[in-house]
Amino acid sequence: MGMAAKEHFVLVHGEGHGAWCWFKLRWLLEGAGYRVTCVDLAGGGVDPTDPNTIRSFKQYDKPLIDLISTLPEGEKVILVGHGAGGLSVIHAMHEFVDRISQSFFVAATMLPFGFQADEDKKDGLPTLPENEIELTLGAGADDPPTTIALRLEFQRDRLSQQSPEEESVLASMLMRPWPATAISTASFEGDDERLNRIKRIFIKTERDHMLDPQQQDSMIKKWPPSEVLVIDTDHSPFFSAPEQLFNLIVKSL
């Protein structure tokens, strides 16, 4: 076990997913002696919150912030975010710069202050055609949609076209609509020099149909991380290449 037992990973899911999506990576990390916590953000996984009632990013991200705030004094964690989970990682970095030793962005939104301009949304949010999504107007017909969901017939191509088919089926059974307004209005105050005290690793997914590789490149160029690693997979390497993802992460510690 040695020093590895003292490393604590916190895995943060992306839009529509939950803690469940990390099951393979969790198994690999724990098998190597690491501690692992997989968090359900509000309205994700088995969290009981109706995602249509989540109107702010602070509300959406509360489970992660609560988790880190209750860690024992002096304990640091390694954050791993996927997709929109990158915004949650950034939020935590602003709030707890001295409690986070390292952050990994797996095909994840990596914007130091969230969405400050339309250009940020162009880089950091998936571009999904209207025919591929279902919108819920939970706040009224004249207000922005409260949630977005990928239609079942498009989920595999967008998220996991290289993954085993049975895992795409599992994901289709467990995915939930995500709080669109809460995520798209995520913005943070602070300074990037402070954030840069935390080592950042970006893992780029080369065959991604959800967060396009060009979008990933744009975020990397605008806010260069400590290291960029490339994995030749779909948007869900925790399904399509879990051992490769595990190796990339562990070798970057």
C-alpha atoms as a PDB file:
ATOM      1  CA  MET A   1       0.000   0.000   0.000  1.00  0.00           C
ATOM      2  CA  GLY A   2       2.697   2.535   1.044  1.00  0.00           C
ATOM      3  CA  MET A   3       2.201   6.138   0.061  1.00  0.00           C
ATOM      4  CA  ALA A   4      -0.490   5.246  -2.478  1.00  0.00           C
ATOM      5  CA  ALA A   5      -2.944   4.534   0.343  1.00  0.00           C
ATOM      6  CA  LYS A   6      -2.772   8.192   1.323  1.00  0.00           C
ATOM      7  CA  GLU A   7      -3.834   9.498  -2.094  1.00  0.00           C
ATOM      8  CA  HIS A   8      -7.546  10.269  -2.183  1.00  0.00           C
ATOM      9  CA  PHE A   9      -9.268  10.612  -5.557  1.00  0.00           C
ATOM     10  CA  VAL A  10     -12.612  12.365  -5.913  1.00  0.00           C
ATOM     11  CA  LEU A  11     -14.265  11.516  -9.252  1.00  0.00           C
ATOM     12  CA  VAL A  12     -16.804  14.002 -10.639  1.00  0.00           C
ATOM     13  CA  HIS A  13     -19.235  13.000 -13.371  1.00  0.00           C
ATOM     14  CA  GLY A  14     -20.368  15.076 -16.329  1.00  0.00           C
ATOM     15  CA  GLU A  15     -23.780  16.095 -17.638  1.00  0.00           C
ATOM     16  CA  GLY A  16     -26.470  13.440 -17.418  1.00  0.00           C
ATOM     17  CA  HIS A  17     -24.207  10.957 -15.659  1.00  0.00           C
ATOM     18  CA  GLY A  18     -23.667  10.036 -12.015  1.00  0.00           C
ATOM     19  CA  ALA A  19     -21.106   8.452  -9.732  1.00  0.00           C
ATOM     20  CA  TRP A  20     -21.984   5.119 -11.399  1.00  0.00           C
ATOM     21  CA  CYS A  21     -20.037   5.967 -14.573  1.00  0.00           C
ATOM     22  CA  TRP A  22     -16.711   5.654 -12.729  1.00  0.00           C
ATOM     23  CA  PHE A  23     -17.181   2.052 -11.566  1.00  0.00           C
ATOM     24  CA  LYS A  24     -14.331   0.604 -13.658  1.00  0.00           C
ATOM     25  CA  LEU A  25     -11.841   3.369 -12.844  1.00  0.00           C
ATOM     26  CA  ARG A  26     -12.787   3.189  -9.165  1.00  0.00           C
ATOM     27  CA  TRP A  27     -12.148  -0.557  -9.161  1.00  0.00           C
ATOM     28  CA  LEU A  28      -8.729  -0.082 -10.795  1.00  0.00           C
ATOM     29  CA  LEU A  29      -7.688   2.739  -8.461  1.00  0.00           C
ATOM     30  CA  GLU A  30      -8.822   0.951  -5.318  1.00  0.00           C
ATOM     31  CA  GLY A  31      -7.089  -2.211  -6.505  1.00  0.00           C
ATOM     32  CA  ALA A  32      -3.853  -0.213  -6.675  1.00  0.00           C
ATOM     33  CA  GLY A  33      -4.307   1.006  -3.094  1.00  0.00           C
ATOM     34  CA  TYR A  34      -5.805   4.463  -3.669  1.00  0.00           C
ATOM     35  CA  ARG A  35      -8.784   5.864  -1.819  1.00  0.00           C
ATOM     36  CA  VAL A  36     -11.676   6.808  -4.111  1.00  0.00           C
ATOM     37  CA  THR A  37     -14.866   8.809  -3.621  1.00  0.00           C
ATOM     38  CA  CYS A  38     -17.376   9.098  -6.473  1.00  0.00           C
ATOM     39  CA  VAL A  39     -19.809  11.946  -5.962  1.00  0.00           C
ATOM     40  CA  ASP A  40     -23.336  12.393  -7.304  1.00  0.00           C
ATOM     41  CA  LEU A  41     -23.932  16.050  -8.104  1.00  0.00           C
ATOM     42  CA  ALA A  42     -27.435  17.431  -7.520  1.00  0.00           C
ATOM     43  CA  GLY A  43     -29.929  15.695  -9.802  1.00  0.00           C
ATOM     44  CA  GLY A  44     -27.320  13.153 -10.956  1.00  0.00           C
ATOM     45  CA  GLY A  45     -27.068   9.432 -10.286  1.00  0.00           C
ATOM     46  CA  VAL A  46     -29.088   8.496  -7.207  1.00  0.00           C
ATOM     47  CA  ASP A  47     -29.278  12.040  -5.832  1.00  0.00           C
ATOM     48  CA  PRO A  48     -33.002  12.591  -5.149  1.00  0.00           C
ATOM     49  CA  THR A  49     -33.136  16.189  -6.414  1.00  0.00           C
ATOM     50  CA  ASP A  50     -35.372  16.811  -9.412  1.00  0.00           C
ATOM     51  CA  PRO A  51     -32.952  18.348 -11.956  1.00  0.00           C
ATOM     52  CA  ASN A  52     -35.728  20.677 -13.132  1.00  0.00           C
ATOM     53  CA  THR A  53     -35.607  22.413  -9.735  1.00  0.00           C
ATOM     54  CA  ILE A  54     -31.874  23.178  -9.978  1.00  0.00           C
ATOM     55  CA  ARG A  55     -31.511  26.769 -11.145  1.00  0.00           C
ATOM     56  CA  SER A  56     -27.954  27.679 -10.093  1.00  0.00           C
ATOM     57  CA  PHE A  57     -24.555  26.068 -10.522  1.00  0.00           C
ATOM     58  CA  LYS A  58     -23.911  26.528  -6.798  1.00  0.00           C
ATOM     59  CA  GLN A  59     -26.947  24.351  -6.059  1.00  0.00           C
ATOM     60  CA  TYR A  60     -25.878  21.783  -8.663  1.00  0.00           C
ATOM     61  CA  ASP A  61     -22.344  21.556  -7.293  1.00  0.00           C
ATOM     62  CA  LYS A  62     -23.225  21.582  -3.588  1.00  0.00           C
ATOM     63  CA  PRO A  63     -22.546  17.844  -3.029  1.00  0.00           C
ATOM     64  CA  LEU A  64     -18.918  18.238  -4.161  1.00  0.00           C
ATOM     65  CA  ILE A  65     -18.338  21.422  -2.164  1.00  0.00           C
ATOM     66  CA  ASP A  66     -19.887  19.823   0.929  1.00  0.00           C
ATOM     67  CA  LEU A  67     -17.694  16.751   0.516  1.00  0.00           C
ATOM     68  CA  ILE A  68     -14.432  18.709   0.326  1.00  0.00           C
ATOM     69  CA  SER A  69     -15.418  21.043   3.163  1.00  0.00           C
ATOM     70  CA  THR A  70     -15.852  18.079   5.520  1.00  0.00           C
ATOM     71  CA  LEU A  71     -12.471  16.461   4.807  1.00  0.00           C
ATOM     72  CA  PRO A  72     -10.131  16.102   7.789  1.00  0.00           C
ATOM     73  CA  GLU A  73      -7.853  19.079   8.398  1.00  0.00           C
ATOM     74  CA  GLY A  74      -4.751  18.897   6.228  1.00  0.00           C
ATOM     75  CA  GLU A  75      -6.066  16.241   3.861  1.00  0.00           C
ATOM     76  CA  LYS A  76      -5.684  16.968   0.161  1.00  0.00           C
ATOM     77  CA  VAL A  77      -7.563  15.317  -2.681  1.00  0.00           C
ATOM     78  CA  ILE A  78      -6.992  14.675  -6.371  1.00  0.00           C
ATOM     79  CA  LEU A  79      -9.978  15.723  -8.462  1.00  0.00           C
ATOM     80  CA  VAL A  80     -10.947  14.024 -11.726  1.00  0.00           C
ATOM     81  CA  GLY A  81     -13.719  15.674 -13.759  1.00  0.00           C
ATOM     82  CA  HIS A  82     -15.446  14.476 -16.924  1.00  0.00           C
ATOM     83  CA  GLY A  83     -17.437  16.653 -19.344  1.00  0.00           C
ATOM     84  CA  ALA A  84     -19.267  19.394 -17.459  1.00  0.00           C
ATOM     85  CA  GLY A  85     -17.691  17.915 -14.323  1.00  0.00           C
ATOM     86  CA  GLY A  86     -14.711  20.075 -15.263  1.00  0.00           C
ATOM     87  CA  LEU A  87     -16.728  23.107 -14.163  1.00  0.00           C
ATOM     88  CA  SER A  88     -17.270  21.458 -10.782  1.00  0.00           C
ATOM     89  CA  VAL A  89     -13.531  20.840 -10.510  1.00  0.00           C
ATOM     90  CA  ILE A  90     -12.803  24.502 -11.303  1.00  0.00           C
ATOM     91  CA  HIS A  91     -15.388  25.626  -8.741  1.00  0.00           C
ATOM     92  CA  ALA A  92     -13.723  23.460  -6.093  1.00  0.00           C
ATOM     93  CA  MET A  93     -10.290  24.805  -7.053  1.00  0.00           C
ATOM     94  CA  HIS A  94     -11.517  28.354  -6.430  1.00  0.00           C
ATOM     95  CA  GLU A  95     -13.050  27.402  -3.097  1.00  0.00           C
ATOM     96  CA  PHE A  96     -10.341  25.065  -1.778  1.00  0.00           C
ATOM     97  CA  VAL A  97      -7.044  25.878  -3.465  1.00  0.00           C
ATOM     98  CA  ASP A  98      -5.086  24.451  -0.501  1.00  0.00           C
ATOM     99  CA  ARG A  99      -7.133  21.248  -0.261  1.00  0.00           C
ATOM    100  CA  ILE A 100      -6.539  20.026  -3.827  1.00  0.00           C
ATOM    101  CA  SER A 101      -3.184  18.581  -4.834  1.00  0.00           C
ATOM    102  CA  GLN A 102      -3.961  17.922  -8.480  1.00  0.00           C
ATOM    103  CA  SER A 103      -6.821  18.123 -11.001  1.00  0.00           C
ATOM    104  CA  PHE A 104      -7.509  15.966 -14.049  1.00  0.00           C
ATOM    105  CA  PHE A 105      -9.838  17.071 -16.832  1.00  0.00           C
ATOM    106  CA  VAL A 106     -11.051  14.091 -18.873  1.00  0.00           C
ATOM    107  CA  ALA A 107     -12.621  15.584 -22.007  1.00  0.00           C
ATOM    108  CA  ALA A 108     -13.849  18.152 -19.509  1.00  0.00           C
ATOM    109  CA  THR A 109     -14.771  21.825 -19.563  1.00  0.00           C
ATOM    110  CA  MET A 110     -11.612  23.663 -18.466  1.00  0.00           C
ATOM    111  CA  LEU A 111     -12.335  27.383 -18.202  1.00  0.00           C
ATOM    112  CA  PRO A 112     -10.745  29.247 -15.261  1.00  0.00           C
ATOM    113  CA  PHE A 113     -13.798  31.434 -14.591  1.00  0.00           C
ATOM    114  CA  GLY A 114     -16.539  29.336 -16.150  1.00  0.00           C
ATOM    115  CA  PHE A 115     -18.728  30.945 -18.780  1.00  0.00           C
ATOM    116  CA  GLN A 116     -17.914  34.642 -18.955  1.00  0.00           C
ATOM    117  CA  ALA A 117     -18.687  35.145 -22.648  1.00  0.00           C
ATOM    118  CA  ASP A 118     -20.338  33.399 -25.589  1.00  0.00           C
ATOM    119  CA  GLU A 119     -16.889  32.276 -26.752  1.00  0.00           C
ATOM    120  CA  ASP A 120     -16.504  30.288 -23.534  1.00  0.00           C
ATOM    121  CA  LYS A 121     -19.769  28.461 -24.208  1.00  0.00           C
ATOM    122  CA  LYS A 122     -18.635  27.742 -27.749  1.00  0.00           C
ATOM    123  CA  ASP A 123     -15.519  26.079 -26.323  1.00  0.00           C
ATOM    124  CA  GLY A 124     -16.952  24.401 -23.269  1.00  0.00           C
ATOM    125  CA  LEU A 125     -20.488  23.212 -24.052  1.00  0.00           C
ATOM    126  CA  PRO A 126     -21.462  20.416 -26.452  1.00  0.00           C
ATOM    127  CA  THR A 127     -23.186  21.527 -29.642  1.00  0.00           C
ATOM    128  CA  LEU A 128     -26.189  19.238 -29.946  1.00  0.00           C
ATOM    129  CA  PRO A 129     -28.720  19.443 -32.797  1.00  0.00           C
ATOM    130  CA  GLU A 130     -32.318  19.976 -31.728  1.00  0.00           C
ATOM    131  CA  ASN A 131     -33.407  16.618 -33.130  1.00  0.00           C
ATOM    132  CA  GLU A 132     -30.995  14.807 -30.769  1.00  0.00           C
ATOM    133  CA  ILE A 133     -32.200  16.331 -27.506  1.00  0.00           C
ATOM    134  CA  GLU A 134     -35.287  16.622 -25.334  1.00  0.00           C
ATOM    135  CA  LEU A 135     -35.868  19.918 -23.540  1.00  0.00           C
ATOM    136  CA  THR A 136     -38.000  20.444 -20.439  1.00  0.00           C
ATOM    137  CA  LEU A 137     -39.424  23.922 -19.898  1.00  0.00           C
ATOM    138  CA  GLY A 138     -39.903  23.534 -16.168  1.00  0.00           C
ATOM    139  CA  ALA A 139     -39.900  27.276 -15.461  1.00  0.00           C
ATOM    140  CA  GLY A 140     -42.427  28.157 -18.141  1.00  0.00           C
ATOM    141  CA  ALA A 141     -42.672  28.381 -21.909  1.00  0.00           C
ATOM    142  CA  ASP A 142     -41.000  31.804 -22.044  1.00  0.00           C
ATOM    143  CA  ASP A 143     -37.985  30.819 -19.931  1.00  0.00           C
ATOM    144  CA  PRO A 144     -34.876  28.846 -20.909  1.00  0.00           C
ATOM    145  CA  PRO A 145     -35.153  25.047 -20.632  1.00  0.00           C
ATOM    146  CA  THR A 146     -34.582  23.722 -17.143  1.00  0.00           C
ATOM    147  CA  THR A 147     -33.155  20.414 -18.347  1.00  0.00           C
ATOM    148  CA  ILE A 148     -31.694  18.789 -21.443  1.00  0.00           C
ATOM    149  CA  ALA A 149     -31.513  15.076 -22.173  1.00  0.00           C
ATOM    150  CA  LEU A 150     -29.934  13.198 -25.054  1.00  0.00           C
ATOM    151  CA  ARG A 151     -32.510  11.149 -26.940  1.00  0.00           C
ATOM    152  CA  LEU A 152     -31.933   7.445 -26.453  1.00  0.00           C
ATOM    153  CA  GLU A 153     -31.155   6.712 -30.107  1.00  0.00           C
ATOM    154  CA  PHE A 154     -28.277   9.231 -30.150  1.00  0.00           C
ATOM    155  CA  GLN A 155     -26.652   8.419 -26.811  1.00  0.00           C
ATOM    156  CA  ARG A 156     -24.232   5.752 -28.017  1.00  0.00           C
ATOM    157  CA  ASP A 157     -22.919   7.745 -30.983  1.00  0.00           C
ATOM    158  CA  ARG A 158     -22.471  10.903 -28.922  1.00  0.00           C
ATOM    159  CA  LEU A 159     -21.034   9.403 -25.752  1.00  0.00           C
ATOM    160  CA  SER A 160     -19.679   5.913 -26.146  1.00  0.00           C
ATOM    161  CA  GLN A 161     -19.418   4.698 -29.733  1.00  0.00           C
ATOM    162  CA  GLN A 162     -16.191   2.777 -28.987  1.00  0.00           C
ATOM    163  CA  SER A 163     -17.370   1.327 -25.687  1.00  0.00           C
ATOM    164  CA  PRO A 164     -18.755  -2.175 -25.159  1.00  0.00           C
ATOM    165  CA  GLU A 165     -22.411  -2.142 -26.193  1.00  0.00           C
ATOM    166  CA  GLU A 166     -23.577  -3.471 -22.850  1.00  0.00           C
ATOM    167  CA  GLU A 167     -22.098  -0.424 -21.139  1.00  0.00           C
ATOM    168  CA  SER A 168     -23.932   1.890 -23.508  1.00  0.00           C
ATOM    169  CA  VAL A 169     -27.112   0.029 -22.534  1.00  0.00           C
ATOM    170  CA  LEU A 170     -26.278   0.433 -18.842  1.00  0.00           C
ATOM    171  CA  ALA A 171     -25.680   4.153 -19.347  1.00  0.00           C
ATOM    172  CA  SER A 172     -28.992   4.533 -21.178  1.00  0.00           C
ATOM    173  CA  MET A 173     -30.762   3.044 -18.158  1.00  0.00           C
ATOM    174  CA  LEU A 174     -29.035   5.300 -15.635  1.00  0.00           C
ATOM    175  CA  MET A 175     -28.630   8.646 -17.384  1.00  0.00           C
ATOM    176  CA  ARG A 176     -30.848  11.530 -16.285  1.00  0.00           C
ATOM    177  CA  PRO A 177     -31.657  14.931 -17.784  1.00  0.00           C
ATOM    178  CA  TRP A 178     -29.140  17.542 -16.720  1.00  0.00           C
ATOM    179  CA  PRO A 179     -29.900  21.045 -15.381  1.00  0.00           C
ATOM    180  CA  ALA A 180     -29.177  23.082 -18.481  1.00  0.00           C
ATOM    181  CA  THR A 181     -29.509  26.588 -17.066  1.00  0.00           C
ATOM    182  CA  ALA A 182     -27.507  25.795 -13.944  1.00  0.00           C
ATOM    183  CA  ILE A 183     -24.590  24.409 -15.960  1.00  0.00           C
ATOM    184  CA  SER A 184     -24.614  27.031 -18.736  1.00  0.00           C
ATOM    185  CA  THR A 185     -24.556  29.907 -16.231  1.00  0.00           C
ATOM    186  CA  ALA A 186     -21.603  28.598 -14.210  1.00  0.00           C
ATOM    187  CA  SER A 187     -19.187  31.457 -13.579  1.00  0.00           C
ATOM    188  CA  PHE A 188     -16.541  32.013 -10.921  1.00  0.00           C
ATOM    189  CA  GLU A 189     -14.556  34.928  -9.526  1.00  0.00           C
ATOM    190  CA  GLY A 190     -10.913  34.789  -8.557  1.00  0.00           C
ATOM    191  CA  ASP A 191      -7.520  34.885 -10.199  1.00  0.00           C
ATOM    192  CA  ASP A 192      -5.908  32.288 -12.408  1.00  0.00           C
ATOM    193  CA  GLU A 193      -2.491  32.687 -10.757  1.00  0.00           C
ATOM    194  CA  ARG A 194      -4.025  31.278  -7.586  1.00  0.00           C
ATOM    195  CA  LEU A 195      -5.572  28.416  -9.527  1.00  0.00           C
ATOM    196  CA  ASN A 196      -2.257  27.697 -11.217  1.00  0.00           C
ATOM    197  CA  ARG A 197      -0.854  26.617  -7.859  1.00  0.00           C
ATOM    198  CA  ILE A 198      -2.730  23.363  -8.500  1.00  0.00           C
ATOM    199  CA  LYS A 199      -1.247  20.997 -11.070  1.00  0.00           C
ATOM    200  CA  ARG A 200      -3.710  20.492 -13.949  1.00  0.00           C
ATOM    201  CA  ILE A 201      -3.676  17.592 -16.386  1.00  0.00           C
ATOM    202  CA  PHE A 202      -5.939  17.568 -19.447  1.00  0.00           C
ATOM    203  CA  ILE A 203      -6.765  14.210 -21.015  1.00  0.00           C
ATOM    204  CA  LYS A 204      -7.912  14.813 -24.580  1.00  0.00           C
ATOM    205  CA  THR A 205     -10.243  12.287 -26.212  1.00  0.00           C
ATOM    206  CA  GLU A 206      -9.414  12.112 -29.913  1.00  0.00           C
ATOM    207  CA  ARG A 207     -12.641  10.495 -31.162  1.00  0.00           C
ATOM    208  CA  ASP A 208     -15.048  12.525 -29.049  1.00  0.00           C
ATOM    209  CA  HIS A 209     -18.501  13.211 -30.554  1.00  0.00           C
ATOM    210  CA  MET A 210     -19.764  15.141 -27.515  1.00  0.00           C
ATOM    211  CA  LEU A 211     -17.022  17.652 -26.693  1.00  0.00           C
ATOM    212  CA  ASP A 212     -15.280  18.004 -30.035  1.00  0.00           C
ATOM    213  CA  PRO A 213     -11.453  17.669 -30.054  1.00  0.00           C
ATOM    214  CA  GLN A 214     -11.270  21.191 -31.529  1.00  0.00           C
ATOM    215  CA  GLN A 215     -13.198  22.525 -28.544  1.00  0.00           C
ATOM    216  CA  GLN A 216     -10.800  20.719 -26.249  1.00  0.00           C
ATOM    217  CA  ASP A 217      -7.813  22.174 -28.128  1.00  0.00           C
ATOM    218  CA  SER A 218      -9.229  25.675 -27.826  1.00  0.00           C
ATOM    219  CA  MET A 219      -9.546  25.415 -24.033  1.00  0.00           C
ATOM    220  CA  ILE A 220      -6.048  23.933 -23.764  1.00  0.00           C
ATOM    221  CA  LYS A 221      -4.604  26.790 -25.844  1.00  0.00           C
ATOM    222  CA  LYS A 222      -6.391  29.510 -23.861  1.00  0.00           C
ATOM    223  CA  TRP A 223      -5.455  28.121 -20.429  1.00  0.00           C
ATOM    224  CA  PRO A 224      -2.499  25.751 -20.858  1.00  0.00           C
ATOM    225  CA  PRO A 225      -2.443  22.975 -18.248  1.00  0.00           C
ATOM    226  CA  SER A 226       0.664  21.453 -16.704  1.00  0.00           C
ATOM    227  CA  GLU A 227       0.391  18.521 -19.096  1.00  0.00           C
ATOM    228  CA  VAL A 228      -1.788  17.343 -21.991  1.00  0.00           C
ATOM    229  CA  LEU A 229      -2.301  13.624 -22.487  1.00  0.00           C
ATOM    230  CA  VAL A 230      -4.107  12.103 -25.454  1.00  0.00           C
ATOM    231  CA  ILE A 231      -6.292   9.016 -25.505  1.00  0.00           C
ATOM    232  CA  ASP A 232      -7.678   7.663 -28.782  1.00  0.00           C
ATOM    233  CA  THR A 233     -11.229   7.128 -27.553  1.00  0.00           C
ATOM    234  CA  ASP A 234     -14.801   8.350 -27.513  1.00  0.00           C
ATOM    235  CA  HIS A 235     -16.150  10.738 -24.866  1.00  0.00           C
ATOM    236  CA  SER A 236     -16.282   7.948 -22.277  1.00  0.00           C
ATOM    237  CA  PRO A 237     -12.804   6.444 -21.788  1.00  0.00           C
ATOM    238  CA  PHE A 238     -13.915   5.129 -18.382  1.00  0.00           C
ATOM    239  CA  PHE A 239     -15.987   2.656 -20.454  1.00  0.00           C
ATOM    240  CA  SER A 240     -14.002   2.301 -23.682  1.00  0.00           C
ATOM    241  CA  ALA A 241     -10.427   2.262 -22.301  1.00  0.00           C
ATOM    242  CA  PRO A 242     -10.495   2.187 -18.477  1.00  0.00           C
ATOM    243  CA  GLU A 243      -7.063   0.619 -18.055  1.00  0.00           C
ATOM    244  CA  GLN A 244      -5.451   3.145 -20.370  1.00  0.00           C
ATOM    245  CA  LEU A 245      -7.197   5.975 -18.529  1.00  0.00           C
ATOM    246  CA  PHE A 246      -6.047   4.541 -15.197  1.00  0.00           C
ATOM    247  CA  ASN A 247      -2.446   4.304 -16.410  1.00  0.00           C
ATOM    248  CA  LEU A 248      -2.430   7.867 -17.732  1.00  0.00           C
ATOM    249  CA  ILE A 249      -3.702   9.197 -14.422  1.00  0.00           C
ATOM    250  CA  VAL A 250      -1.407   7.184 -12.164  1.00  0.00           C
ATOM    251  CA  LYS A 251       1.706   7.980 -14.223  1.00  0.00           C
ATOM    252  CA  SER A 252       0.945  11.712 -13.925  1.00  0.00           C
ATOM    253  CA  LEU A 253       0.887  11.772 -10.122  1.00  0.00           C
END
